[in-house]
Protein backbone atom coordinates (compact mmCIF):
# COMPACT_ATOMS: atom_id res chain seq x y z
CA UNK A 1 0.88 -6.95 -9.07
CA UNK A 2 3.53 -4.27 -8.70
CA UNK A 3 4.92 -5.24 -5.35
CA UNK A 4 8.10 -5.76 -3.43
CA UNK A 5 11.12 -6.00 -5.78
CA UNK A 6 9.22 -5.29 -9.00
CA UNK A 7 10.03 -1.85 -10.39
CA UNK A 8 7.13 -0.11 -12.12
CA UNK A 9 6.25 3.34 -13.34
CA UNK A 10 3.08 3.25 -11.25
CA UNK A 11 2.42 5.69 -8.43
CA UNK A 12 4.02 4.33 -5.25
CA UNK A 13 1.84 3.70 -2.23
CA UNK A 14 4.46 2.10 0.00
CA UNK A 15 7.96 3.32 -0.73
CA UNK A 16 9.62 0.94 1.71
CA UNK A 17 8.35 -2.21 0.03
CA UNK A 18 7.65 -0.87 -3.48
CA UNK A 19 3.89 -1.44 -3.44
CA UNK A 20 2.05 0.64 -5.99
CA UNK A 21 -1.35 2.24 -5.55
CA UNK A 22 -2.65 0.22 -8.51
CA UNK A 23 -1.38 -3.05 -7.03
CA UNK A 24 -3.29 -2.37 -3.83
CA UNK A 25 -6.46 -1.42 -5.71
CA UNK A 26 -6.20 -4.64 -7.75
CA UNK A 27 -5.68 -6.64 -4.56
CA UNK A 28 -8.73 -5.04 -2.94
CA UNK A 29 -10.89 -5.80 -5.96
CA UNK A 30 -9.67 -9.40 -5.90
CA UNK A 31 -10.49 -9.69 -2.19
CA UNK A 32 -6.81 -9.91 -1.26
CA UNK A 33 -6.12 -6.40 -0.01
CA UNK A 34 -5.69 -7.67 3.53
CA UNK A 35 -2.66 -9.66 2.42
CA UNK A 36 -0.76 -6.64 1.09
CA UNK A 37 -1.81 -4.36 3.91
CA UNK A 38 -1.08 -7.07 6.48
CA UNK A 39 2.43 -7.41 5.09
CA UNK A 40 3.07 -3.67 5.52
CA UNK A 41 1.49 -3.63 9.00
CA UNK A 42 3.72 -6.55 10.06
CA UNK A 43 6.84 -4.88 8.68
CA UNK A 44 5.93 -1.59 10.36
CA UNK A 45 5.26 -3.23 13.74
CA UNK A 46 8.68 -4.86 13.59
CA UNK A 47 10.45 -1.65 12.51
CA UNK A 48 11.49 -3.06 9.13
CA UNK A 49 10.27 0.02 7.29
CA UNK A 50 12.24 3.16 6.57
CA UNK A 51 9.48 5.69 5.88
CA UNK A 52 11.36 8.71 7.16
CA UNK A 53 14.06 8.17 4.54
CA UNK A 54 12.22 6.53 1.63
CA UNK A 55 8.81 8.23 1.60
CA UNK A 56 8.95 11.82 0.29
CA UNK A 57 6.32 12.79 2.90
CA UNK A 58 8.54 11.26 5.64
CA UNK A 59 5.39 9.56 6.99
CA UNK A 60 4.08 6.02 7.18
CA UNK A 61 1.91 4.95 4.24
CA UNK A 62 -0.73 3.09 6.26
CA UNK A 63 -3.07 6.09 6.27
CA UNK A 64 -2.94 6.04 2.48
CA UNK A 65 -4.00 2.38 2.46
CA UNK A 66 -7.08 3.33 4.48
CA UNK A 67 -7.93 6.21 2.12
CA UNK A 68 -7.84 3.84 -0.84
CA UNK A 69 -10.01 1.31 1.01
CA UNK A 70 -12.63 3.98 1.67
CA UNK A 71 -12.49 5.21 -1.91
CA UNK A 72 -12.98 1.68 -3.31
CA UNK A 73 -15.76 0.95 -0.85
CA UNK A 74 -17.59 4.15 -1.84
CA UNK A 75 -17.30 3.22 -5.54
CA UNK A 76 -18.88 -0.20 -5.00
CA UNK A 77 -21.62 0.87 -2.59
CA UNK A 78 -24.94 1.45 -4.41
């Protein structure tokens, strides 16, 4: 997975902790999405993120995690 200190050319989801969109999608499909999202939630709650300086949108990425969850859920729902 493209996470944390691994540099990839993938589209970033979390700029603070270098988590790519593809890494989160892979984690969701493997049933481990809660681990990645939980890590970001923990870091955010403890003010270890730096969204306003690292994310081009200047906003927290957690809304983007939810959008991906909904998208994946809609793809797998018959």
